[in-house]
Structures are given as C-alpha cells and as structure tokens.
Protein backbone atom coordinates (compact mmCIF):
# COMPACT_ATOMS: atom_id res chain seq x y z
CA UNK A 1 3.08 5.48 42.69
CA UNK A 2 2.48 5.04 38.97
CA UNK A 3 3.62 1.74 37.51
CA UNK A 4 6.74 1.92 35.39
CA UNK A 5 6.10 2.13 31.65
CA UNK A 6 7.45 -0.53 29.36
CA UNK A 7 9.71 0.50 26.44
CA UNK A 8 6.85 -0.11 23.99
CA UNK A 9 4.53 2.17 25.95
CA UNK A 10 7.25 4.85 26.11
CA UNK A 11 7.61 4.78 22.31
CA UNK A 12 3.83 4.95 21.85
CA UNK A 13 3.60 7.89 24.27
CA UNK A 14 6.36 9.74 22.43
CA UNK A 15 4.55 9.29 19.11
CA UNK A 16 1.26 10.71 20.31
CA UNK A 17 2.83 13.59 22.24
CA UNK A 18 2.07 16.92 20.57
CA UNK A 19 5.12 18.25 18.86
CA UNK A 20 5.94 21.92 19.09
CA UNK A 21 5.94 23.72 15.75
CA UNK A 22 9.39 25.03 14.86
CA UNK A 23 9.63 28.80 14.54
CA UNK A 24 11.87 30.22 11.88
CA UNK A 25 13.78 33.42 12.39
CA UNK A 26 13.62 36.16 9.78
CA UNK A 27 11.31 38.63 8.08
CA UNK A 28 7.73 37.84 7.17
CA UNK A 29 6.88 37.63 3.47
CA UNK A 30 4.68 40.74 3.74
CA UNK A 31 7.71 42.83 4.65
CA UNK A 32 9.52 41.60 1.54
CA UNK A 33 6.75 42.54 -0.91
CA UNK A 34 7.87 46.21 -1.37
CA UNK A 35 11.46 45.12 -2.00
CA UNK A 36 10.30 42.51 -4.50
CA UNK A 37 8.31 45.19 -6.31
CA UNK A 38 11.38 47.44 -6.41
CA UNK A 39 13.35 44.52 -7.84
CA UNK A 40 10.75 44.08 -10.59
CA UNK A 41 10.97 47.80 -11.39
CA UNK A 42 14.77 47.53 -11.58
CA UNK A 43 14.46 44.61 -14.00
CA UNK A 44 12.01 46.65 -16.10
CA UNK A 45 14.53 49.50 -16.35
CA UNK A 46 17.32 47.14 -17.40
CA UNK A 47 15.01 45.51 -19.93
CA UNK A 48 14.21 48.93 -21.39
CA UNK A 49 17.91 49.37 -22.17
CA UNK A 50 18.00 45.95 -23.85
CA UNK A 51 14.95 46.82 -25.99
CA UNK A 52 16.61 50.08 -26.99
CA UNK A 53 19.72 48.23 -28.12
CA UNK A 54 17.44 46.07 -30.28
CA UNK A 55 15.67 49.22 -31.58
CA UNK A 56 12.35 48.08 -30.17
CA UNK A 57 11.29 51.57 -29.15
CA UNK A 58 7.71 50.78 -28.15
CA UNK A 59 8.83 48.03 -25.80
CA UNK A 60 11.58 50.25 -24.33
CA UNK A 61 9.13 53.06 -23.59
CA UNK A 62 6.59 50.62 -22.15
CA UNK A 63 9.21 49.06 -19.84
CA UNK A 64 10.09 52.46 -18.35
CA UNK A 65 6.39 53.24 -17.89
CA UNK A 66 5.94 49.92 -16.05
CA UNK A 67 8.89 50.79 -13.80
CA UNK A 68 7.28 54.14 -13.04
CA UNK A 69 3.95 52.54 -12.11
CA UNK A 70 5.64 50.06 -9.79
CA UNK A 71 7.74 52.82 -8.22
CA UNK A 72 4.57 54.74 -7.47
CA UNK A 73 3.11 51.73 -5.64
CA UNK A 74 5.97 50.14 -3.71
CA UNK A 75 6.43 52.97 -1.22
CA UNK A 76 2.71 53.20 -0.48
CA UNK A 77 2.42 49.43 -0.06
CA UNK A 78 5.44 49.49 2.27
CA UNK A 79 3.68 52.04 4.49
CA UNK A 80 0.41 50.10 4.44
CA UNK A 81 2.20 46.89 5.45
CA UNK A 82 4.41 48.76 7.94
CA UNK A 83 7.41 47.38 6.10
CA UNK A 84 9.43 50.56 5.60
CA UNK A 85 13.13 49.95 6.20
CA UNK A 86 16.34 51.82 5.56
CA UNK A 87 17.43 49.03 3.22
CA UNK A 88 14.23 49.44 1.21
CA UNK A 89 14.74 53.19 0.92
CA UNK A 90 18.32 52.81 -0.33
CA UNK A 91 17.36 50.00 -2.71
CA UNK A 92 14.53 52.13 -4.07
CA UNK A 93 16.90 55.04 -4.74
CA UNK A 94 19.37 52.83 -6.62
CA UNK A 95 16.55 51.38 -8.71
CA UNK A 96 15.19 54.88 -9.39
CA UNK A 97 18.57 56.07 -10.62
CA UNK A 98 18.79 53.26 -13.15
CA UNK A 99 15.14 53.27 -14.24
CA UNK A 100 14.60 57.04 -14.38
CA UNK A 101 18.12 58.42 -14.78
CA UNK A 102 20.16 56.02 -16.88
CA UNK A 103 17.50 54.16 -18.88
CA UNK A 104 15.70 57.21 -20.38
CA UNK A 105 19.01 58.86 -21.26
CA UNK A 106 20.31 55.75 -23.04
CA UNK A 107 17.01 55.14 -24.81
CA UNK A 108 16.93 58.69 -26.17
CA UNK A 109 20.60 58.55 -27.16
CA UNK A 110 20.17 55.33 -29.09
CA UNK A 111 16.90 56.56 -30.59
CA UNK A 112 17.98 59.96 -31.92
CA UNK A 113 20.83 61.74 -30.12
CA UNK A 114 23.61 59.43 -31.31
CA UNK A 115 23.27 61.12 -34.71
CA UNK A 116 25.10 64.06 -33.17
CA UNK A 117 27.89 61.98 -31.66
CA UNK A 118 29.56 63.52 -28.61
CA UNK A 119 27.35 66.57 -28.79
CA UNK A 120 24.30 64.34 -28.50
CA UNK A 121 25.80 62.51 -25.53
CA UNK A 122 26.13 65.71 -23.48
CA UNK A 123 22.41 66.15 -22.63
CA UNK A 124 22.13 62.44 -21.77
CA UNK A 125 25.03 62.79 -19.36
CA UNK A 126 23.56 65.93 -17.84
CA UNK A 127 20.18 64.26 -17.35
CA UNK A 128 21.66 61.20 -15.61
CA UNK A 129 23.88 63.32 -13.35
CA UNK A 130 21.00 65.58 -12.33
CA UNK A 131 18.84 62.54 -11.60
CA UNK A 132 21.56 61.21 -9.26
CA UNK A 133 21.90 64.59 -7.54
CA UNK A 134 18.14 64.88 -7.14
CA UNK A 135 17.90 61.42 -5.50
CA UNK A 136 20.89 62.11 -3.25
CA UNK A 137 19.32 65.36 -2.07
CA UNK A 138 16.05 63.56 -1.41
CA UNK A 139 17.78 60.89 0.71
CA UNK A 140 19.70 63.52 2.67
CA UNK A 141 16.47 65.37 3.44
CA UNK A 142 14.92 62.27 5.03
CA UNK A 143 17.46 62.29 7.88
CA UNK A 144 17.51 66.06 8.17
CA UNK A 145 15.74 68.36 10.57
CA UNK A 146 11.91 68.31 10.66
CA UNK A 147 10.28 70.46 8.01
CA UNK A 148 7.14 72.58 8.20
CA UNK A 149 3.95 70.58 7.89
CA UNK A 150 2.85 72.25 4.65
CA UNK A 151 5.95 70.98 2.82
CA UNK A 152 4.83 67.37 3.25
CA UNK A 153 2.57 67.68 0.20
CA UNK A 154 5.38 68.91 -2.07
CA UNK A 155 8.59 67.64 -3.59
CA UNK A 156 11.62 69.86 -4.05
CA UNK A 157 12.11 69.82 -7.79
CA UNK A 158 10.57 67.45 -10.30
CA UNK A 159 10.78 63.85 -8.99
CA UNK A 160 12.81 61.33 -10.97
CA UNK A 161 9.87 59.24 -12.31
CA UNK A 162 8.11 62.37 -13.57
CA UNK A 163 11.38 63.58 -15.07
CA UNK A 164 11.77 60.31 -16.95
CA UNK A 165 8.24 60.58 -18.29
CA UNK A 166 8.85 64.14 -19.48
CA UNK A 167 12.15 63.10 -21.06
CA UNK A 168 10.38 60.42 -23.09
CA UNK A 169 7.86 62.93 -24.45
CA UNK A 170 9.58 63.10 -27.90
CA UNK A 171 9.51 59.30 -28.13
CA UNK A 172 5.82 59.16 -27.15
CA UNK A 173 5.03 61.85 -29.71
CA UNK A 174 7.01 60.05 -32.42
CA UNK A 175 5.32 56.71 -31.74
CA UNK A 176 1.89 58.33 -32.00
CA UNK A 177 2.84 60.22 -35.17
CA UNK A 178 4.17 57.03 -36.76
CA UNK A 179 0.98 55.18 -35.88
CA UNK A 180 -1.15 58.02 -37.30
CA UNK A 181 0.90 58.43 -40.49
CA UNK A 182 2.01 61.99 -39.65
CA UNK A 183 5.44 61.96 -41.27
CA UNK A 184 6.24 65.64 -40.69
CA UNK A 185 5.41 65.47 -36.99
CA UNK A 186 7.34 62.22 -36.64
CA UNK A 187 10.43 63.78 -38.24
CA UNK A 188 10.23 66.84 -35.98
CA UNK A 189 9.75 64.74 -32.84
CA UNK A 190 12.82 62.63 -33.64
CA UNK A 191 15.12 65.56 -34.36
CA UNK A 192 18.12 65.46 -31.97
CA UNK A 193 17.75 69.16 -31.14
CA UNK A 194 14.26 68.61 -29.72
CA UNK A 195 15.31 65.75 -27.43
CA UNK A 196 18.57 67.47 -26.44
CA UNK A 197 17.00 70.77 -25.39
CA UNK A 198 14.24 68.91 -23.55
CA UNK A 199 16.75 66.81 -21.61
CA UNK A 200 18.64 69.90 -20.48
CA UNK A 201 15.42 71.60 -19.37
CA UNK A 202 14.16 68.57 -17.43
CA UNK A 203 17.56 68.04 -15.80
CA UNK A 204 17.41 71.64 -14.55
CA UNK A 205 13.88 71.08 -13.19
CA UNK A 206 14.95 67.97 -11.27
CA UNK A 207 17.76 69.73 -9.39
CA UNK A 208 15.84 72.97 -8.96
CA UNK A 209 14.12 74.07 -5.76
CA UNK A 210 10.77 74.38 -7.52
CA UNK A 211 8.02 72.95 -5.26
CA UNK A 212 5.96 70.34 -7.10
CA UNK A 213 2.86 68.51 -5.93
CA UNK A 214 3.49 65.04 -4.51
CA UNK A 215 -0.23 64.13 -4.46
CA UNK A 216 0.30 62.17 -1.21
CA UNK A 217 -2.19 64.24 0.77
CA UNK A 218 -4.26 65.42 -2.16
CA UNK A 219 -7.92 65.71 -1.09
CA UNK A 220 -10.81 65.94 -3.51
CA UNK A 221 -13.85 68.03 -2.53
CA UNK A 222 -17.10 66.08 -2.51
CA UNK A 223 -18.56 67.99 -5.45
CA UNK A 224 -15.57 67.02 -7.61
CA UNK A 225 -15.56 63.29 -6.83
CA UNK A 226 -17.96 62.31 -9.62
CA UNK A 227 -16.26 64.44 -12.31
CA UNK A 228 -12.92 63.01 -11.22
CA UNK A 229 -14.19 59.44 -11.57
CA UNK A 230 -15.62 60.24 -15.00
CA UNK A 231 -12.32 61.81 -16.00
CA UNK A 232 -10.42 58.77 -14.76
CA UNK A 233 -12.67 56.51 -16.82
CA UNK A 234 -12.07 58.66 -19.88
CA UNK A 235 -8.34 58.55 -19.22
CA UNK A 236 -8.34 54.75 -19.04
CA UNK A 237 -10.30 54.58 -22.29
CA UNK A 238 -7.78 56.87 -24.00
CA UNK A 239 -4.88 54.91 -22.53
CA UNK A 240 -6.23 51.67 -23.98
CA UNK A 241 -7.08 53.11 -27.40
CA UNK A 242 -4.22 55.61 -27.88
CA UNK A 243 -1.54 54.93 -25.23
CA UNK A 244 1.28 57.05 -26.69
CA UNK A 245 -0.90 60.10 -27.23
CA UNK A 246 -2.22 59.70 -23.69
CA UNK A 247 1.26 59.54 -22.20
CA UNK A 248 2.27 62.64 -24.16
CA UNK A 249 -0.85 64.44 -22.97
CA UNK A 250 -0.14 63.46 -19.35
CA UNK A 251 3.31 65.00 -19.71
CA UNK A 252 1.86 68.25 -21.02
CA UNK A 253 -0.70 68.37 -18.20
CA UNK A 254 2.04 67.79 -15.63
CA UNK A 255 4.11 70.67 -17.00
CA UNK A 256 0.99 72.86 -16.99
CA UNK A 257 0.42 72.00 -13.30
CA UNK A 258 3.85 73.24 -12.19
CA UNK A 259 2.84 76.94 -11.88
CA UNK A 260 -0.26 75.96 -9.89
CA UNK A 261 1.88 73.86 -7.54
CA UNK A 262 4.17 76.82 -6.97
CA UNK A 263 1.19 79.09 -6.25
CA UNK A 264 -0.28 76.57 -3.82
CA UNK A 265 3.07 76.21 -2.02
CA UNK A 266 3.44 79.96 -1.59
CA UNK A 267 -0.13 80.26 -0.28
CA UNK A 268 0.37 77.47 2.28
CA UNK A 269 3.71 78.94 3.32
CA UNK A 270 2.13 82.35 3.91
CA UNK A 271 -0.66 80.78 5.98
CA UNK A 272 1.82 78.75 8.05
CA UNK A 273 4.03 81.77 8.72
CA UNK A 274 0.97 83.65 9.89
CA UNK A 275 0.33 80.89 12.48
CA UNK A 276 3.72 79.82 13.91
CA UNK A 277 2.24 76.70 15.52
CA UNK A 278 1.58 75.24 12.06
CA UNK A 279 5.21 75.49 11.06
CA UNK A 280 6.31 72.46 13.09
CA UNK A 281 5.40 69.32 11.19
CA UNK A 282 6.67 65.87 10.34
CA UNK A 283 9.76 65.17 8.26
CA UNK A 284 9.26 63.99 4.72
CA UNK A 285 8.77 60.23 4.44
CA UNK A 286 9.86 57.87 1.72
CA UNK A 287 7.95 58.05 -1.53
CA UNK A 288 8.92 58.75 -5.09
CA UNK A 289 12.32 60.23 -5.60
C-alpha cells in the first residue's frame, strides 16, 4: 500500500497536475468572417446616404462601390471557409437591399431628381421596389426545385449590385466631366430626365427574366489568359488614374454584354434539351443578389 500523503504533498500534487483546457461553445471566428464583411458593406451603404446628405458626391459614390466590392467577395469567402448559413444569406439580402436598392435611389434623388419634386421621386421609388422584388425572387429560388445545370452560370435579371452600378452611371459621368472641365457634358449628365429614365430602365431589367452572366463558372481558354491579364492590368491603371471614367466604361461594357449573355443562355439551353441527362443540375447557390 502507498503511504498516505500529507496535506502539503496533496497541495503540491494538485498544483503540478495538468489542467484541462476549457472549451468554449459557439462558432469559430472563421465562420463569422463573411457576416462581418456583410456588416461592413451595410455600414458603407449607410455612410453613402450620409455623404449624399452632406452633398459629398464623390464619397457617396465611392462608398457604394466599396459595398459592391465587399458584396462580391463575402459569398465566395463563405463558400471557401464552408461558412454558408441561412442567417448569412438573409443578412446579405437585407444589406443588399439597403446598399443597392435604397442608397443609390436616395443619392440620385438628392443629387439631381429632387429638382422635379414628386415627379423625381417616382423613379427612385420604382428602383427601390424593383430591387426588393428582385432580391425576394432570388431568395425564393434558392429553396425551390432544382434547376437545369446550365442555369447555374446565369442570374435571372440584372443582379442588384450591377443595377446599382448602372444607376450611378450619370453620377460617374458627371464627376468625370467636372474633373475634365466639360461643362456641357456635366450639365447633360446631371439633368433629372437622364437619371429618371435610366432608373426606370434599370428597375425593369432587375425584375425581368433576362438571363445575365454570373461569372461564377466563367472559364478562360488558355490562349486568352495572357490578353486577359494584360487587360486587367490596363483596367487597374485606368481605375487609379481616372476612376470615374473607368466606372462609367465598366457600366457601358456590362450593358453591351447583355445580348451576348442571352445568346449564350439560349445556346446552352438548346444543347441541354438535346441531351436530357444534362438538364438535371444543382440548385442555384448563394452569391450576389
């Protein structure tokens, strides 16, 4: 039998005994990163409204652009970290509605459309409502029946971030014209009729059934990799030197790509219908609304 330990030896033994590390319950920090990014985007959208109230138009436009960049990254990072949750999807939709539905409409109203009073408010209201309907339709489609595989590379209608960028085209054009001293172009870009008609057109595109490229599964042929890299470098150089002209040009290029997206969708649909086994794919996952 072992001799009995004295109280002093018992205390010494308790001190040197390895203590088990406490384990905390909850989510890991990695799973919170996408939600934190969405929160930053939401703050950027709210800040854009504040800058518009202060008539700081450059800062307001830049804040919405920052929100769009973050929105394009948070969903992809969530999938890479395997941190996609229903809460994150709903939070992302609410942030998208404010950043790309409410903020652009208010910025444009305060910038030019308020000169027309209630008539100028109508396109802003239409744009925000269509943005909400577009996001609601997108969320409903996630839980719907599986779609054909070829539809995974397309959105139904213009997504909300792209719609916000197109809506800000008159502001981008005006900022560039002001910086270049083009008074006539600046006056035309800030005319309420230009912004109002554009808002109505973009609102219709967002709630339409027009298939638009999502660029999630976009593959570049090997022979086009180097030209694409050179083009990206040129784009970055233009963005640094002439940001507002670059944003306006990106909007024009996106509009020009819409007919090609429709043609590509119809071609893939015809190929899938010719081979019935290709029609059964995966449902659309969370990305940009």
